[in-house]
Amino acid sequence: MTTTRLHVDRERCIGAGMCALTAPEVFDQDVDDGRVLLLHAEPLPARRAAAQMAARVCPSGAITLEEPEPEGF
């Protein structure tokens, strides 16, 4: 079974911090430049919804999700 996998583009990140506010268990901000730091590329099921929300609210679109295909497809 595959899991949700996160990817971040630090070059695209503008340091708004919405990811770290929305899913602090999954994302942080670099103390030097304020850009996104990915703490867990494959978040636990309990943190998956917050990670998905963080990707949706990212103003620069620096976070992408790779979702598993439903079984049977």
PDB file of N, CA and C in Angstrom:
ATOM      1  N   MET A   1       0.841  -1.182   0.000  1.00  0.00           N
ATOM      2  CA  MET A   1       0.000   0.000   0.000  1.00  0.00           C
ATOM      3  C   MET A   1       0.882   1.240   0.000  1.00  0.00           C
ATOM      4  N   THR A   2       0.620   2.154  -0.913  1.00  0.00           N
ATOM      5  CA  THR A   2       1.388   3.403  -0.962  1.00  0.00           C
ATOM      6  C   THR A   2       0.707   4.457  -0.097  1.00  0.00           C
ATOM      7  N   THR A   3       1.474   5.450   0.286  1.00  0.00           N
ATOM      8  CA  THR A   3       0.946   6.505   1.134  1.00  0.00           C
ATOM      9  C   THR A   3       1.056   7.841   0.418  1.00  0.00           C
ATOM     10  N   THR A   4       0.400   8.828   0.989  1.00  0.00           N
ATOM     11  CA  THR A   4       0.520  10.185   0.482  1.00  0.00           C
ATOM     12  C   THR A   4       1.962  10.631   0.636  1.00  0.00           C
ATOM     13  N   ARG A   5       2.504  11.222  -0.411  1.00  0.00           N
ATOM     14  CA  ARG A   5       3.887  11.705  -0.372  1.00  0.00           C
ATOM     15  C   ARG A   5       3.871  13.194  -0.696  1.00  0.00           C
ATOM     16  N   LEU A   6       4.583  13.964   0.097  1.00  0.00           N
ATOM     17  CA  LEU A   6       4.672  15.408  -0.072  1.00  0.00           C
ATOM     18  C   LEU A   6       5.974  15.793  -0.752  1.00  0.00           C
ATOM     19  N   HIS A   7       5.907  16.862  -1.517  1.00  0.00           N
ATOM     20  CA  HIS A   7       7.084  17.445  -2.146  1.00  0.00           C
ATOM     21  C   HIS A   7       7.011  18.954  -1.926  1.00  0.00           C
ATOM     22  N   VAL A   8       8.145  19.572  -1.668  1.00  0.00           N
ATOM     23  CA  VAL A   8       8.180  21.029  -1.536  1.00  0.00           C
ATOM     24  C   VAL A   8       9.196  21.611  -2.508  1.00  0.00           C
ATOM     25  N   ASP A   9       8.894  22.781  -3.001  1.00  0.00           N
ATOM     26  CA  ASP A   9       9.795  23.517  -3.879  1.00  0.00           C
ATOM     27  C   ASP A   9      10.250  24.751  -3.121  1.00  0.00           C
ATOM     28  N   ARG A  10      11.413  24.658  -2.486  1.00  0.00           N
ATOM     29  CA  ARG A  10      11.907  25.774  -1.669  1.00  0.00           C
ATOM     30  C   ARG A  10      12.188  27.019  -2.493  1.00  0.00           C
ATOM     31  N   GLU A  11      12.474  26.860  -3.772  1.00  0.00           N
ATOM     32  CA  GLU A  11      12.725  28.016  -4.626  1.00  0.00           C
ATOM     33  C   GLU A  11      11.433  28.792  -4.890  1.00  0.00           C
ATOM     34  N   ARG A  12      10.328  28.078  -4.903  1.00  0.00           N
ATOM     35  CA  ARG A  12       9.023  28.701  -5.157  1.00  0.00           C
ATOM     36  C   ARG A  12       8.426  29.299  -3.879  1.00  0.00           C
ATOM     37  N   CYS A  13       8.818  28.783  -2.733  1.00  0.00           N
ATOM     38  CA  CYS A  13       8.293  29.218  -1.437  1.00  0.00           C
ATOM     39  C   CYS A  13       8.563  30.697  -1.202  1.00  0.00           C
ATOM     40  N   ILE A  14       7.544  31.408  -0.677  1.00  0.00           N
ATOM     41  CA  ILE A  14       7.709  32.833  -0.362  1.00  0.00           C
ATOM     42  C   ILE A  14       7.795  33.085   1.145  1.00  0.00           C
ATOM     43  N   GLY A  15       7.785  32.005   1.943  1.00  0.00           N
ATOM     44  CA  GLY A  15       7.956  32.144   3.389  1.00  0.00           C
ATOM     45  C   GLY A  15       6.739  32.655   4.135  1.00  0.00           C
ATOM     46  N   ALA A  16       5.546  32.449   3.599  1.00  0.00           N
ATOM     47  CA  ALA A  16       4.327  32.915   4.266  1.00  0.00           C
ATOM     48  C   ALA A  16       4.064  32.167   5.568  1.00  0.00           C
ATOM     49  N   GLY A  17       4.505  30.928   5.660  1.00  0.00           N
ATOM     50  CA  GLY A  17       4.373  30.164   6.893  1.00  0.00           C
ATOM     51  C   GLY A  17       3.037  29.480   7.104  1.00  0.00           C
ATOM     52  N   MET A  18       2.165  29.511   6.119  1.00  0.00           N
ATOM     53  CA  MET A  18       0.853  28.876   6.259  1.00  0.00           C
ATOM     54  C   MET A  18       0.989  27.370   6.490  1.00  0.00           C
ATOM     55  N   CYS A  19       1.981  26.757   5.872  1.00  0.00           N
ATOM     56  CA  CYS A  19       2.184  25.315   6.038  1.00  0.00           C
ATOM     57  C   CYS A  19       2.519  24.976   7.485  1.00  0.00           C
ATOM     58  N   ALA A  20       3.448  25.712   8.070  1.00  0.00           N
ATOM     59  CA  ALA A  20       3.864  25.449   9.442  1.00  0.00           C
ATOM     60  C   ALA A  20       2.740  25.740  10.436  1.00  0.00           C
ATOM     61  N   LEU A  21       1.889  26.710  10.129  1.00  0.00           N
ATOM     62  CA  LEU A  21       0.748  27.007  10.990  1.00  0.00           C
ATOM     63  C   LEU A  21      -0.336  25.944  10.862  1.00  0.00           C
ATOM     64  N   THR A  22      -0.542  25.440   9.654  1.00  0.00           N
ATOM     65  CA  THR A  22      -1.601  24.475   9.386  1.00  0.00           C
ATOM     66  C   THR A  22      -1.217  23.059   9.807  1.00  0.00           C
ATOM     67  N   ALA A  23       0.012  22.675   9.573  1.00  0.00           N
ATOM     68  CA  ALA A  23       0.469  21.312   9.884  1.00  0.00           C
ATOM     69  C   ALA A  23       1.868  21.352  10.493  1.00  0.00           C
ATOM     70  N   PRO A  24       1.989  21.832  11.730  1.00  0.00           N
ATOM     71  CA  PRO A  24       3.318  21.970  12.345  1.00  0.00           C
ATOM     72  C   PRO A  24       4.049  20.652  12.585  1.00  0.00           C
ATOM     73  N   GLU A  25       3.333  19.548  12.557  1.00  0.00           N
ATOM     74  CA  GLU A  25       3.978  18.245  12.731  1.00  0.00           C
ATOM     75  C   GLU A  25       4.647  17.786  11.441  1.00  0.00           C
ATOM     76  N   VAL A  26       4.275  18.432  10.319  1.00  0.00           N
ATOM     77  CA  VAL A  26       4.756  18.016   9.004  1.00  0.00           C
ATOM     78  C   VAL A  26       5.711  19.037   8.396  1.00  0.00           C
ATOM     79  N   PHE A  27       5.476  20.320   8.673  1.00  0.00           N
ATOM     80  CA  PHE A  27       6.268  21.406   8.080  1.00  0.00           C
ATOM     81  C   PHE A  27       6.835  22.320   9.152  1.00  0.00           C
ATOM     82  N   ASP A  28       7.942  22.967   8.811  1.00  0.00           N
ATOM     83  CA  ASP A  28       8.527  24.011   9.653  1.00  0.00           C
ATOM     84  C   ASP A  28       9.046  25.078   8.707  1.00  0.00           C
ATOM     85  N   GLN A  29       9.589  26.143   9.289  1.00  0.00           N
ATOM     86  CA  GLN A  29      10.210  27.198   8.494  1.00  0.00           C
ATOM     87  C   GLN A  29      11.673  27.304   8.844  1.00  0.00           C
ATOM     88  N   ASP A  30      12.480  27.505   7.827  1.00  0.00           N
ATOM     89  CA  ASP A  30      13.918  27.686   7.999  1.00  0.00           C
ATOM     90  C   ASP A  30      14.160  28.976   8.769  1.00  0.00           C
ATOM     91  N   VAL A  31      14.948  28.919   9.834  1.00  0.00           N
ATOM     92  CA  VAL A  31      15.206  30.111  10.635  1.00  0.00           C
ATOM     93  C   VAL A  31      16.038  31.140   9.877  1.00  0.00           C
ATOM     94  N   ASP A  32      16.788  30.708   8.875  1.00  0.00           N
ATOM     95  CA  ASP A  32      17.631  31.637   8.131  1.00  0.00           C
ATOM     96  C   ASP A  32      16.881  32.396   7.037  1.00  0.00           C
ATOM     97  N   ASP A  33      16.047  31.687   6.270  1.00  0.00           N
ATOM     98  CA  ASP A  33      15.390  32.364   5.146  1.00  0.00           C
ATOM     99  C   ASP A  33      13.868  32.308   5.182  1.00  0.00           C
ATOM    100  N   GLY A  34      13.290  31.634   6.181  1.00  0.00           N
ATOM    101  CA  GLY A  34      11.836  31.599   6.329  1.00  0.00           C
ATOM    102  C   GLY A  34      11.119  30.644   5.394  1.00  0.00           C
ATOM    103  N   ARG A  35      11.860  29.964   4.536  1.00  0.00           N
ATOM    104  CA  ARG A  35      11.208  29.069   3.584  1.00  0.00           C
ATOM    105  C   ARG A  35      10.871  27.723   4.216  1.00  0.00           C
ATOM    106  N   VAL A  36       9.979  27.025   3.560  1.00  0.00           N
ATOM    107  CA  VAL A  36       9.456  25.754   4.046  1.00  0.00           C
ATOM    108  C   VAL A  36      10.533  24.704   4.266  1.00  0.00           C
ATOM    109  N   LEU A  37      10.359  23.963   5.348  1.00  0.00           N
ATOM    110  CA  LEU A  37      11.160  22.775   5.629  1.00  0.00           C
ATOM    111  C   LEU A  37      10.185  21.619   5.770  1.00  0.00           C
ATOM    112  N   LEU A  38      10.405  20.571   5.035  1.00  0.00           N
ATOM    113  CA  LEU A  38       9.559  19.396   5.090  1.00  0.00           C
ATOM    114  C   LEU A  38      10.105  18.445   6.157  1.00  0.00           C
ATOM    115  N   LEU A  39       9.308  18.207   7.185  1.00  0.00           N
ATOM    116  CA  LEU A  39       9.735  17.339   8.275  1.00  0.00           C
ATOM    117  C   LEU A  39       9.401  15.876   8.006  1.00  0.00           C
ATOM    118  N   HIS A  40       8.284  15.639   7.316  1.00  0.00           N
ATOM    119  CA  HIS A  40       7.838  14.267   7.042  1.00  0.00           C
ATOM    120  C   HIS A  40       7.260  14.197   5.633  1.00  0.00           C
ATOM    121  N   ALA A  41       7.989  13.596   4.714  1.00  0.00           N
ATOM    122  CA  ALA A  41       7.528  13.486   3.327  1.00  0.00           C
ATOM    123  C   ALA A  41       6.342  12.543   3.195  1.00  0.00           C
ATOM    124  N   GLU A  42       6.212  11.584   4.105  1.00  0.00           N
ATOM    125  CA  GLU A  42       5.085  10.652   4.098  1.00  0.00           C
ATOM    126  C   GLU A  42       4.378  10.765   5.454  1.00  0.00           C
ATOM    127  N   PRO A  43       3.464  11.733   5.563  1.00  0.00           N
ATOM    128  CA  PRO A  43       2.825  11.954   6.865  1.00  0.00           C
ATOM    129  C   PRO A  43       1.976  10.766   7.311  1.00  0.00           C
ATOM    130  N   LEU A  44       1.925  10.575   8.609  1.00  0.00           N
ATOM    131  CA  LEU A  44       1.087   9.537   9.194  1.00  0.00           C
ATOM    132  C   LEU A  44      -0.374   9.813   8.852  1.00  0.00           C
ATOM    133  N   PRO A  45      -1.202   8.785   8.819  1.00  0.00           N
ATOM    134  CA  PRO A  45      -2.617   8.986   8.485  1.00  0.00           C
ATOM    135  C   PRO A  45      -3.295  10.067   9.336  1.00  0.00           C
ATOM    136  N   ALA A  46      -2.951  10.167  10.596  1.00  0.00           N
ATOM    137  CA  ALA A  46      -3.559  11.167  11.475  1.00  0.00           C
ATOM    138  C   ALA A  46      -3.175  12.601  11.089  1.00  0.00           C
ATOM    139  N   ARG A  47      -2.095  12.756  10.342  1.00  0.00           N
ATOM    140  CA  ARG A  47      -1.622  14.093   9.953  1.00  0.00           C
ATOM    141  C   ARG A  47      -1.872  14.406   8.481  1.00  0.00           C
ATOM    142  N   ARG A  48      -2.419  13.439   7.760  1.00  0.00           N
ATOM    143  CA  ARG A  48      -2.594  13.582   6.319  1.00  0.00           C
ATOM    144  C   ARG A  48      -3.552  14.715   5.948  1.00  0.00           C
ATOM    145  N   ALA A  49      -4.664  14.840   6.662  1.00  0.00           N
ATOM    146  CA  ALA A  49      -5.644  15.891   6.352  1.00  0.00           C
ATOM    147  C   ALA A  49      -5.030  17.281   6.543  1.00  0.00           C
ATOM    148  N   ALA A  50      -4.252  17.469   7.599  1.00  0.00           N
ATOM    149  CA  ALA A  50      -3.601  18.753   7.831  1.00  0.00           C
ATOM    150  C   ALA A  50      -2.572  19.040   6.741  1.00  0.00           C
ATOM    151  N   ALA A  51      -1.842  18.023   6.311  1.00  0.00           N
ATOM    152  CA  ALA A  51      -0.858  18.196   5.240  1.00  0.00           C
ATOM    153  C   ALA A  51      -1.542  18.570   3.930  1.00  0.00           C
ATOM    154  N   GLN A  52      -2.672  17.947   3.640  1.00  0.00           N
ATOM    155  CA  GLN A  52      -3.430  18.274   2.432  1.00  0.00           C
ATOM    156  C   GLN A  52      -3.932  19.711   2.487  1.00  0.00           C
ATOM    157  N   MET A  53      -4.423  20.133   3.646  1.00  0.00           N
ATOM    158  CA  MET A  53      -4.900  21.509   3.814  1.00  0.00           C
ATOM    159  C   MET A  53      -3.743  22.488   3.637  1.00  0.00           C
ATOM    160  N   ALA A  54      -2.590  22.170   4.179  1.00  0.00           N
ATOM    161  CA  ALA A  54      -1.422  23.042   4.041  1.00  0.00           C
ATOM    162  C   ALA A  54      -1.057  23.224   2.570  1.00  0.00           C
ATOM    163  N   ALA A  55      -1.139  22.165   1.803  1.00  0.00           N
ATOM    164  CA  ALA A  55      -0.853  22.269   0.365  1.00  0.00           C
ATOM    165  C   ALA A  55      -1.870  23.175  -0.323  1.00  0.00           C
ATOM    166  N   ARG A  56      -3.130  23.079   0.091  1.00  0.00           N
ATOM    167  CA  ARG A  56      -4.179  23.917  -0.528  1.00  0.00           C
ATOM    168  C   ARG A  56      -4.030  25.387  -0.176  1.00  0.00           C
ATOM    169  N   VAL A  57      -3.588  25.699   1.048  1.00  0.00           N
ATOM    170  CA  VAL A  57      -3.524  27.100   1.467  1.00  0.00           C
ATOM    171  C   VAL A  57      -2.186  27.767   1.160  1.00  0.00           C
ATOM    172  N   CYS A  58      -1.225  27.019   0.657  1.00  0.00           N
ATOM    173  CA  CYS A  58       0.084  27.602   0.327  1.00  0.00           C
ATOM    174  C   CYS A  58      -0.097  28.652  -0.776  1.00  0.00           C
ATOM    175  N   PRO A  59       0.208  29.924  -0.492  1.00  0.00           N
ATOM    176  CA  PRO A  59      -0.035  30.975  -1.482  1.00  0.00           C
ATOM    177  C   PRO A  59       0.849  30.892  -2.719  1.00  0.00           C
ATOM    178  N   SER A  60       1.988  30.231  -2.618  1.00  0.00           N
ATOM    179  CA  SER A  60       2.878  30.155  -3.780  1.00  0.00           C
ATOM    180  C   SER A  60       2.789  28.810  -4.505  1.00  0.00           C
ATOM    181  N   GLY A  61       2.022  27.883  -3.955  1.00  0.00           N
ATOM    182  CA  GLY A  61       1.914  26.563  -4.573  1.00  0.00           C
ATOM    183  C   GLY A  61       3.194  25.750  -4.474  1.00  0.00           C
ATOM    184  N   ALA A  62       3.966  25.983  -3.416  1.00  0.00           N
ATOM    185  CA  ALA A  62       5.255  25.315  -3.256  1.00  0.00           C
ATOM    186  C   ALA A  62       5.137  23.889  -2.734  1.00  0.00           C
ATOM    187  N   ILE A  63       3.941  23.496  -2.305  1.00  0.00           N
ATOM    188  CA  ILE A  63       3.740  22.155  -1.751  1.00  0.00           C
ATOM    189  C   ILE A  63       2.857  21.354  -2.701  1.00  0.00           C
ATOM    190  N   THR A  64       3.317  20.178  -3.056  1.00  0.00           N
ATOM    191  CA  THR A  64       2.505  19.292  -3.887  1.00  0.00           C
ATOM    192  C   THR A  64       2.360  17.943  -3.197  1.00  0.00           C
ATOM    193  N   LEU A  65       1.253  17.292  -3.506  1.00  0.00           N
ATOM    194  CA  LEU A  65       0.941  15.990  -2.938  1.00  0.00           C
ATOM    195  C   LEU A  65       0.929  14.941  -4.027  1.00  0.00           C
ATOM    196  N   GLU A  66       1.463  13.805  -3.700  1.00  0.00           N
ATOM    197  CA  GLU A  66       1.383  12.644  -4.580  1.00  0.00           C
ATOM    198  C   GLU A  66       0.481  11.655  -3.838  1.00  0.00           C
ATOM    199  N   GLU A  67      -0.762  11.554  -4.303  1.00  0.00           N
ATOM    200  CA  GLU A  67      -1.759  10.711  -3.638  1.00  0.00           C
ATOM    201  C   GLU A  67      -1.747   9.306  -4.236  1.00  0.00           C
ATOM    202  N   PRO A  68      -1.942   8.293  -3.426  1.00  0.00           N
ATOM    203  CA  PRO A  68      -2.051   6.937  -3.964  1.00  0.00           C
ATOM    204  C   PRO A  68      -3.353   6.778  -4.731  1.00  0.00           C
ATOM    205  N   GLU A  69      -3.323   5.940  -5.744  1.00  0.00           N
ATOM    206  CA  GLU A  69      -4.544   5.647  -6.486  1.00  0.00           C
ATOM    207  C   GLU A  69      -5.400   4.702  -5.667  1.00  0.00           C
ATOM    208  N   PRO A  70      -6.722   4.899  -5.713  1.00  0.00           N
ATOM    209  CA  PRO A  70      -7.588   3.968  -4.980  1.00  0.00           C
ATOM    210  C   PRO A  70      -7.394   2.541  -5.473  1.00  0.00           C
ATOM    211  N   GLU A  71      -7.507   1.585  -4.581  1.00  0.00           N
ATOM    212  CA  GLU A  71      -7.335   0.184  -4.975  1.00  0.00           C
ATOM    213  C   GLU A  71      -8.418  -0.211  -5.959  1.00  0.00           C
ATOM    214  N   GLY A  72      -8.040  -1.044  -6.902  1.00  0.00           N
ATOM    215  CA  GLY A  72      -8.989  -1.511  -7.886  1.00  0.00           C
ATOM    216  C   GLY A  72      -8.959  -0.726  -9.170  1.00  0.00           C
ATOM    217  N   PHE A  73      -8.080   0.261  -9.268  1.00  0.00           N
ATOM    218  CA  PHE A  73      -7.997   1.056 -10.508  1.00  0.00           C
ATOM    219  C   PHE A  73      -6.748   0.729 -11.265  1.00  0.00           C
TER     220      PHE A  73
END
